[in-house]
Amino acid sequence: MQDPRSARLNGLDTLRALAVTLVVLHHYTLFVSNDDATFGWVGRIGWAGVDLFFALSGYLIGNQIFKAMATDAGLSLRAFYARRLLRTLPNYLVVLALYVLWPAWGENAPLAPLLRYLSFTQNLGLKPGTAFSHSWSLAIEEQFYLLLPALALLGAALRGRIVFAWVFIACVVVGGMLLRAQLWAAQVDGQTYGTYFYYKLIYYASLCRLDELVAGVALALLKNRHPDVWTRATRHGNGLLAAGLLVTGLAFWLFLDDRYGFAPTVFGFSLLGLAFGLLILAALSERSLLRDLRIPGAGRLAVWSYAIYLTHRGACAVAYKPLQALGYGPQTMVAIGLLLALSVLSGWILYRLVETPFMALRERYVPSNLVQAMTLR
C-alpha cells in the first residue's frame, strides 16, 4: 500500500489495482456472502492480493532507500520515517477511530487492545475473528518500514560487501520456510484447531510472511547495485511476464488445491514472492505488455488502493444487512454491484478528505528522503 506518486508506470498501477481488487473480492466472499462460490476461484485466492502489495512495498521502499543512499546527500532516517508516517498514519488512525466508535463498522466483533493497533503489533498472535483484522498486513509493513532503512544504513556504516545483503535475503527466505515447517508440524498437522493456529501463528506472523517483501527488496537491490544485470534483465519484459504468470499460476494452484497443507504453507509464500517479483520486473521492463498496457480505471484504483483497503470491510459491514432486508441478499447482482461500488466510494472519500491534504503537507515539509530534506526548513 505504497504512495502511488512514487511510480507512474502503467504496469505498477495495474498490479496495485489487481491487488486491491483481489483483496476486496476475497473479503466479500469471506465476510459478506460467506460463500466461496461467489467469485469462484478468484475470490478464494484473493487473499494473495496482500502478498502482491507486500512485493510492491518491498520494491518501492527498497528503491527509495538504496537510491537515496547512493547520492552525495545520503538517506535521512528522520526524513524517511516522517514521510512514511505522513503517508500511512492519518488514513489508518481515522479508520481505527471508526472501529472503536462504531461497532457496526467492525461487524460487532471484539477489538484487540487499542495499544496493539497503535503500536502496529496487532498481527502478533492475532486471533481470527478480531475486528479490523485485515490491518495485520499494515502492521507487518510498518515493522518493515522501521527496520529496513536502519539495516541498510548499518550495513553501509560497517562497509559490508553487497554479497552479504544477498546472503541476508536468502537467509530470510530459507529461515521463513524452516519456521513455517516447524510451526506447521507442531501446531497445524493433525490438530483439532489446526486452521486456527495456522492463521494465528503462521499467516499473520511477521517472521513467517517476509518472503514477498524481501522479493521486492531484492529487485530494488538489483536495480541500484547491479545496473548491468538489471538492464539485461529488463530487455525481456514479455518473457518475464510469461514466467511471472506461469509461476503465479503454479502458486495459485498449490494453494487452491490444499490451502493449509505442508507444501503450500512452507513453500507457497516463497513461490508467490518469486511470482510477484517477476511480474514487477516485467512491469518495469522495456517493451513489456504489462508496462505499456493502460487499463481504464486501473490508475485511479491504484491511487485509492490504500484507502480502499482500509475502508472496504467496514463499509460492506454497515450496508449489506439493510440491503438484505430490502430483499437483495449478498449473492444477488444488485447487492454485489452496490457493495463493491460502496467499497470504492468509501476509499475515495477517505483519500480525498484525509490522505490528499496530508500528502500535500508531506510534499511541502518533507519533500524527499535525502538528508537535506530535514535541514532546509
Protein backbone atom coordinates (compact mmCIF):
# COMPACT_ATOMS: atom_id res chain seq x y z
CA MET A 1 0.00 0.00 0.00
CA GLN A 2 2.56 2.48 -1.17
CA ASP A 3 2.49 6.02 -2.38
CA PRO A 4 1.18 5.87 -5.95
CA ARG A 5 3.12 9.01 -6.81
CA SER A 6 6.36 7.10 -6.38
CA ALA A 7 5.91 5.44 -9.79
CA ARG A 8 3.51 6.38 -12.55
CA LEU A 9 4.19 3.35 -14.70
CA ASN A 10 1.05 1.74 -16.09
CA GLY A 11 2.31 -1.72 -15.14
CA LEU A 12 2.73 -0.91 -11.47
CA ASP A 13 -0.68 0.78 -11.43
CA THR A 14 -2.17 -2.36 -12.95
CA LEU A 15 -0.58 -4.54 -10.27
CA ARG A 16 -1.78 -2.26 -7.46
CA ALA A 17 -5.29 -2.23 -8.89
CA LEU A 18 -5.20 -6.02 -9.23
CA ALA A 19 -4.00 -6.39 -5.64
CA VAL A 20 -6.78 -4.33 -4.10
CA THR A 21 -9.42 -5.93 -6.35
CA LEU A 22 -8.35 -9.42 -5.26
CA VAL A 23 -8.49 -8.46 -1.59
CA VAL A 24 -11.94 -6.84 -1.85
CA LEU A 25 -13.39 -9.85 -3.68
CA HIS A 26 -11.88 -12.26 -1.16
CA HIS A 27 -13.22 -10.34 1.83
CA TYR A 28 -16.63 -10.17 0.19
CA THR A 29 -16.79 -13.95 -0.04
CA LEU A 30 -15.39 -14.35 3.46
CA PHE A 31 -17.32 -11.74 5.44
CA VAL A 32 -20.37 -10.77 3.38
CA SER A 33 -21.64 -13.66 1.26
CA ASN A 34 -19.96 -16.41 3.31
CA ASP A 35 -19.78 -18.42 0.12
CA ASP A 36 -16.58 -19.32 -1.73
CA ALA A 37 -18.57 -19.71 -4.93
CA THR A 38 -19.47 -16.00 -5.16
CA PHE A 39 -16.48 -15.16 -7.37
CA GLY A 40 -15.19 -18.69 -7.92
CA TRP A 41 -11.51 -19.42 -7.53
CA VAL A 42 -10.68 -15.71 -7.84
CA GLY A 43 -12.50 -14.99 -4.59
CA ARG A 44 -10.88 -17.96 -2.87
CA ILE A 45 -7.34 -16.95 -3.81
CA GLY A 46 -7.98 -13.22 -3.42
CA TRP A 47 -6.07 -13.06 -0.13
CA ALA A 48 -2.91 -13.23 -2.30
CA GLY A 49 -3.56 -9.59 -3.18
CA VAL A 50 -1.96 -8.75 0.17
CA ASP A 51 1.16 -10.64 -0.91
CA LEU A 52 1.26 -8.63 -4.11
CA PHE A 53 1.06 -5.45 -2.04
CA PHE A 54 3.97 -6.76 0.04
CA ALA A 55 6.11 -7.31 -3.05
CA LEU A 56 5.29 -3.84 -4.37
CA SER A 57 6.13 -2.34 -0.97
CA GLY A 58 9.45 -4.14 -0.83
CA TYR A 59 10.46 -2.85 -4.24
CA LEU A 60 9.23 0.73 -3.90
CA ILE A 61 10.58 1.33 -0.41
CA GLY A 62 13.80 -0.53 -1.11
CA ASN A 63 14.33 1.51 -4.27
CA GLN A 64 13.82 4.76 -2.37
CA ILE A 65 16.32 3.73 0.28
CA PHE A 66 19.06 2.41 -2.00
CA LYS A 67 18.67 5.31 -4.43
CA ALA A 68 18.99 7.88 -1.62
CA MET A 69 22.00 6.10 -0.15
CA ALA A 70 23.78 6.36 -3.49
CA THR A 71 23.55 10.18 -3.54
CA ASP A 72 26.02 12.63 -2.02
CA ALA A 73 23.37 13.77 0.47
CA GLY A 74 22.59 10.27 1.66
CA LEU A 75 19.50 8.76 3.27
CA SER A 76 17.94 10.66 6.17
CA LEU A 77 16.21 8.37 8.64
CA ARG A 78 14.28 11.33 10.04
CA ALA A 79 13.00 12.28 6.61
CA PHE A 80 12.23 8.69 5.68
CA TYR A 81 10.22 7.99 8.83
CA ALA A 82 8.44 11.37 8.64
CA ARG A 83 7.36 10.67 5.07
CA ARG A 84 6.21 7.14 5.94
CA LEU A 85 4.18 8.30 8.93
CA LEU A 86 2.51 11.11 6.99
CA ARG A 87 1.68 8.58 4.30
CA THR A 88 0.28 5.78 6.44
CA LEU A 89 -0.88 7.13 9.81
CA PRO A 90 -3.65 9.66 9.00
CA ASN A 91 -5.81 7.22 7.00
CA TYR A 92 -5.11 4.42 9.44
CA LEU A 93 -6.00 6.43 12.56
CA VAL A 94 -9.25 7.71 11.06
CA VAL A 95 -10.36 4.17 10.19
CA LEU A 96 -9.22 2.84 13.57
CA ALA A 97 -11.40 5.52 15.21
CA LEU A 98 -14.37 4.24 13.19
CA TYR A 99 -13.76 0.72 14.52
CA VAL A 100 -13.54 2.00 18.09
CA LEU A 101 -16.53 4.36 17.98
CA TRP A 102 -18.90 2.49 15.63
CA PRO A 103 -19.20 -1.22 16.48
CA ALA A 104 -21.32 -1.94 13.38
CA TRP A 105 -18.39 -0.79 11.22
CA GLY A 106 -16.36 -3.59 12.80
CA GLU A 107 -19.08 -6.24 12.30
CA ASN A 108 -19.65 -6.04 16.09
CA ALA A 109 -16.53 -8.18 16.56
CA PRO A 110 -14.19 -7.63 19.53
CA LEU A 111 -11.19 -5.37 19.05
CA ALA A 112 -7.70 -6.26 20.18
CA PRO A 113 -6.31 -3.94 22.88
CA LEU A 114 -6.03 -0.45 21.42
CA LEU A 115 -2.32 -0.25 22.19
CA ARG A 116 -1.72 -3.19 19.85
CA TYR A 117 -3.18 -1.22 16.93
CA LEU A 118 -1.35 1.99 17.85
CA SER A 119 1.99 0.19 18.13
CA PHE A 120 1.41 -1.88 14.97
CA THR A 121 1.84 -5.14 16.82
CA GLN A 122 -1.72 -6.42 16.37
CA ASN A 123 -0.58 -9.13 13.98
CA LEU A 124 1.46 -10.90 16.68
CA GLY A 125 -0.68 -13.75 17.97
CA LEU A 126 -3.75 -12.23 16.32
CA LYS A 127 -6.92 -14.23 16.96
CA PRO A 128 -9.06 -14.87 13.86
CA GLY A 129 -12.37 -13.05 14.15
CA THR A 130 -10.92 -9.90 15.67
CA ALA A 131 -12.27 -6.58 14.41
CA PHE A 132 -10.04 -4.73 11.91
CA SER A 133 -8.16 -7.99 11.48
CA HIS A 134 -7.07 -7.09 7.96
CA SER A 135 -4.78 -4.47 9.49
CA TRP A 136 -2.37 -7.33 10.28
CA SER A 137 -0.68 -6.67 6.94
CA LEU A 138 -0.27 -2.98 7.73
CA ALA A 139 1.44 -3.93 10.97
CA ILE A 140 3.96 -6.08 9.10
CA GLU A 141 4.59 -3.29 6.60
CA GLU A 142 5.15 -0.73 9.37
CA GLN A 143 7.58 -3.07 11.08
CA PHE A 144 9.32 -3.45 7.72
CA TYR A 145 9.46 0.34 7.21
CA LEU A 146 11.04 0.70 10.65
CA LEU A 147 13.78 -1.90 10.19
CA LEU A 148 14.82 -1.84 6.53
CA PRO A 149 16.37 1.67 6.31
CA ALA A 150 18.16 1.21 9.63
CA LEU A 151 19.59 -2.13 8.47
CA ALA A 152 20.65 -0.62 5.15
CA LEU A 153 22.47 2.25 6.85
CA LEU A 154 24.06 -0.11 9.35
CA GLY A 155 25.37 -2.26 6.53
CA ALA A 156 26.77 0.80 4.79
CA ALA A 157 28.39 2.09 8.00
CA LEU A 158 30.06 -1.28 8.55
CA ARG A 159 31.19 -1.22 4.90
CA GLY A 160 29.54 -4.54 4.32
CA ARG A 161 30.02 -6.11 0.92
CA ILE A 162 26.97 -6.36 -1.30
CA VAL A 163 27.20 -10.15 -1.19
CA PHE A 164 26.24 -10.00 2.48
CA ALA A 165 22.97 -8.29 1.55
CA TRP A 166 22.13 -11.13 -0.83
CA VAL A 167 23.08 -13.70 1.81
CA PHE A 168 20.83 -11.92 4.30
CA ILE A 169 17.89 -12.00 1.85
CA ALA A 170 18.47 -15.72 1.21
CA CYS A 171 18.60 -16.38 4.96
CA VAL A 172 15.29 -14.56 5.49
CA VAL A 173 13.58 -16.69 2.83
CA VAL A 174 15.07 -20.01 3.97
CA GLY A 175 14.55 -19.13 7.61
CA GLY A 176 10.90 -18.33 6.94
CA MET A 177 10.38 -21.69 5.26
CA LEU A 178 12.04 -23.54 8.15
CA LEU A 179 9.97 -21.65 10.71
CA ARG A 180 6.72 -22.33 8.87
CA ALA A 181 7.64 -26.01 8.59
CA GLN A 182 8.29 -26.26 12.32
CA LEU A 183 5.10 -24.43 13.26
CA TRP A 184 3.00 -26.42 10.80
CA ALA A 185 4.30 -29.73 12.18
CA ALA A 186 3.76 -28.68 15.79
CA GLN A 187 0.53 -26.68 15.62
CA VAL A 188 -1.36 -27.46 12.39
CA ASP A 189 -0.76 -31.04 11.25
CA GLY A 190 -3.42 -33.30 12.66
CA GLN A 191 -4.54 -30.76 15.26
CA THR A 192 -8.23 -30.25 16.03
CA TYR A 193 -7.84 -26.47 15.83
CA GLY A 194 -5.06 -26.55 13.27
CA THR A 195 -6.66 -23.92 10.99
CA TYR A 196 -6.97 -21.51 13.91
CA PHE A 197 -3.29 -21.85 14.76
CA TYR A 198 -2.35 -21.67 11.08
CA TYR A 199 -3.69 -18.13 10.97
CA LYS A 200 -2.59 -17.08 14.44
CA LEU A 201 0.97 -18.42 14.34
CA ILE A 202 1.83 -18.56 10.63
CA TYR A 203 -0.37 -16.50 8.33
CA TYR A 204 -0.41 -13.34 10.48
CA ALA A 205 3.12 -13.70 11.89
CA SER A 206 5.82 -11.25 10.83
CA LEU A 207 8.71 -13.72 10.60
CA CYS A 208 6.61 -16.11 8.51
CA ARG A 209 5.42 -13.50 5.99
CA LEU A 210 8.56 -11.73 4.79
CA ASP A 211 9.00 -13.64 1.52
CA GLU A 212 7.24 -11.17 -0.76
CA LEU A 213 8.70 -8.12 0.98
CA VAL A 214 12.26 -9.34 0.55
CA ALA A 215 11.49 -10.33 -3.04
CA GLY A 216 10.70 -6.68 -3.68
CA VAL A 217 13.82 -5.57 -1.81
CA ALA A 218 15.89 -7.96 -3.94
CA LEU A 219 14.57 -6.23 -7.08
CA ALA A 220 15.49 -2.82 -5.66
CA LEU A 221 18.95 -4.09 -4.72
CA LEU A 222 19.43 -5.49 -8.20
CA LYS A 223 18.41 -2.21 -9.82
CA ASN A 224 20.59 0.01 -7.68
CA ARG A 225 23.66 -2.13 -7.09
CA HIS A 226 23.80 -4.29 -10.23
CA PRO A 227 22.65 -1.93 -13.02
CA ASP A 228 24.21 -4.00 -15.82
CA VAL A 229 22.30 -7.11 -14.75
CA TRP A 230 19.14 -5.03 -14.35
CA THR A 231 19.50 -3.60 -17.85
CA ARG A 232 19.97 -7.02 -19.41
CA ALA A 233 17.03 -8.49 -17.49
CA THR A 234 14.61 -5.69 -18.35
CA ARG A 235 15.21 -6.15 -22.06
CA HIS A 236 13.00 -9.24 -21.90
CA GLY A 237 9.80 -7.82 -20.45
CA ASN A 238 7.36 -10.16 -22.15
CA GLY A 239 9.44 -13.20 -21.27
CA LEU A 240 9.45 -12.07 -17.64
CA LEU A 241 5.69 -11.53 -17.83
CA ALA A 242 5.15 -15.04 -19.17
CA ALA A 243 7.39 -16.50 -16.47
CA GLY A 244 5.63 -14.47 -13.78
CA LEU A 245 2.19 -15.62 -14.92
CA LEU A 246 3.37 -19.23 -15.05
CA VAL A 247 4.81 -19.16 -11.52
CA THR A 248 1.74 -17.26 -10.26
CA GLY A 249 -0.48 -19.96 -11.75
CA LEU A 250 1.59 -22.65 -10.07
CA ALA A 251 1.43 -20.90 -6.70
CA PHE A 252 -2.33 -20.34 -7.01
CA TRP A 253 -2.89 -23.98 -7.94
CA LEU A 254 -0.83 -25.07 -4.95
CA PHE A 255 -2.90 -23.01 -2.51
CA LEU A 256 -6.26 -23.76 -4.12
CA ASP A 257 -5.51 -27.49 -4.04
CA ASP A 258 -4.66 -27.61 -0.33
CA ARG A 259 -4.61 -24.20 1.38
CA TYR A 260 -3.40 -25.45 4.77
CA GLY A 261 -1.18 -28.32 3.64
CA PHE A 262 2.55 -28.68 4.24
CA ALA A 263 3.78 -27.75 0.75
CA PRO A 264 1.76 -24.54 0.31
CA THR A 265 2.46 -23.47 3.89
CA VAL A 266 6.21 -23.97 3.65
CA PHE A 267 6.94 -23.20 0.00
CA GLY A 268 3.85 -21.39 -1.28
CA PHE A 269 4.62 -17.93 0.09
CA SER A 270 8.17 -18.06 -1.26
CA LEU A 271 6.72 -19.10 -4.63
CA LEU A 272 4.37 -16.11 -4.51
CA GLY A 273 7.35 -13.88 -3.76
CA LEU A 274 9.13 -15.18 -6.86
CA ALA A 275 5.99 -14.89 -9.00
CA PHE A 276 5.17 -11.34 -7.98
CA GLY A 277 8.81 -10.32 -8.21
CA LEU A 278 8.82 -11.46 -11.84
CA LEU A 279 5.60 -9.55 -12.55
CA ILE A 280 7.00 -6.36 -11.01
CA LEU A 281 10.18 -6.78 -13.04
CA ALA A 282 8.03 -7.20 -16.16
CA ALA A 283 6.11 -4.04 -15.26
CA LEU A 284 9.41 -2.15 -15.17
CA SER A 285 10.84 -3.65 -18.35
CA GLU A 286 11.23 -2.26 -21.84
CA ARG A 287 8.69 -3.27 -24.47
CA SER A 288 6.59 -5.18 -21.97
CA LEU A 289 2.86 -5.62 -22.43
CA LEU A 290 2.39 -5.16 -18.70
CA ARG A 291 4.33 -1.90 -18.71
CA ASP A 292 2.71 -0.42 -21.80
CA LEU A 293 -0.88 -1.60 -21.49
CA ARG A 294 -3.16 1.00 -19.92
CA ILE A 295 -6.29 -0.47 -18.37
CA PRO A 296 -9.12 2.08 -17.92
CA GLY A 297 -9.65 2.83 -14.22
CA ALA A 298 -6.56 0.98 -13.03
CA GLY A 299 -4.68 4.20 -12.37
CA ARG A 300 -7.43 5.56 -10.15
CA LEU A 301 -7.80 2.30 -8.26
CA ALA A 302 -4.04 2.29 -7.73
CA VAL A 303 -4.12 5.82 -6.28
CA TRP A 304 -7.02 4.97 -3.96
CA SER A 305 -5.85 1.43 -3.13
CA TYR A 306 -4.55 2.11 0.39
CA ALA A 307 -7.75 3.91 1.38
CA ILE A 308 -9.95 1.23 -0.23
CA TYR A 309 -8.03 -1.48 1.60
CA LEU A 310 -8.69 0.23 4.93
CA THR A 311 -12.40 1.00 4.46
CA HIS A 312 -13.97 -1.69 2.28
CA ARG A 313 -14.77 -4.20 5.02
CA GLY A 314 -16.36 -1.65 7.30
CA ALA A 315 -18.41 -0.10 4.53
CA CYS A 316 -19.75 -3.51 3.48
CA ALA A 317 -20.45 -4.49 7.10
CA VAL A 318 -22.66 -1.43 7.58
CA ALA A 319 -24.53 -1.72 4.28
CA TYR A 320 -25.11 -5.39 3.49
CA LYS A 321 -27.75 -6.10 6.17
CA PRO A 322 -30.02 -3.19 5.13
CA LEU A 323 -29.73 -4.40 1.54
CA GLN A 324 -30.62 -7.91 2.65
CA ALA A 325 -33.67 -6.56 4.49
CA LEU A 326 -34.80 -4.99 1.22
CA GLY A 327 -34.59 -8.39 -0.45
CA TYR A 328 -31.16 -8.05 -2.02
CA GLY A 329 -29.07 -10.80 -0.48
CA PRO A 330 -25.28 -10.74 -0.78
CA GLN A 331 -25.37 -13.23 -3.67
CA THR A 332 -27.61 -11.06 -5.83
CA MET A 333 -26.08 -8.97 -8.59
CA VAL A 334 -27.67 -5.82 -7.15
CA ALA A 335 -26.02 -6.31 -3.77
CA ILE A 336 -22.69 -7.31 -5.28
CA GLY A 337 -22.66 -4.27 -7.56
CA LEU A 338 -23.74 -1.81 -4.87
CA LEU A 339 -21.40 -3.13 -2.19
CA LEU A 340 -18.36 -3.24 -4.47
CA ALA A 341 -19.15 0.30 -5.62
CA LEU A 342 -19.50 1.36 -1.99
CA SER A 343 -16.11 -0.19 -1.23
CA VAL A 344 -14.52 2.03 -3.87
CA LEU A 345 -16.54 5.08 -2.85
CA SER A 346 -15.59 4.78 0.83
CA GLY A 347 -11.94 4.57 -0.14
CA TRP A 348 -12.25 7.58 -2.42
CA ILE A 349 -13.83 9.64 0.38
CA LEU A 350 -11.02 8.74 2.76
CA TYR A 351 -8.47 9.53 0.06
CA ARG A 352 -9.96 12.94 -0.69
CA LEU A 353 -10.69 14.06 2.88
CA VAL A 354 -7.68 12.66 4.72
CA GLU A 355 -4.95 11.28 2.52
CA THR A 356 -4.80 14.13 -0.02
CA PRO A 357 -4.25 17.00 2.45
CA PHE A 358 -1.66 15.07 4.43
CA MET A 359 0.21 14.14 1.27
CA ALA A 360 0.27 17.86 0.39
CA LEU A 361 1.73 18.62 3.82
CA ARG A 362 4.33 15.92 3.25
CA GLU A 363 5.40 17.35 -0.07
CA ARG A 364 5.68 20.79 1.46
CA TYR A 365 7.64 19.95 4.61
CA VAL A 366 9.39 16.64 3.85
CA PRO A 367 9.87 16.59 0.06
CA SER A 368 12.38 13.71 -0.10
CA ASN A 369 14.24 11.03 1.82
CA LEU A 370 17.55 12.84 1.48
CA VAL A 371 19.43 14.34 4.39
CA GLN A 372 18.83 17.95 3.32
CA ALA A 373 15.08 17.36 3.37
CA MET A 374 15.12 17.83 7.14
CA THR A 375 17.62 20.70 7.17
CA LEU A 376 16.22 23.13 4.60
CA ARG A 377 13.38 24.42 6.82
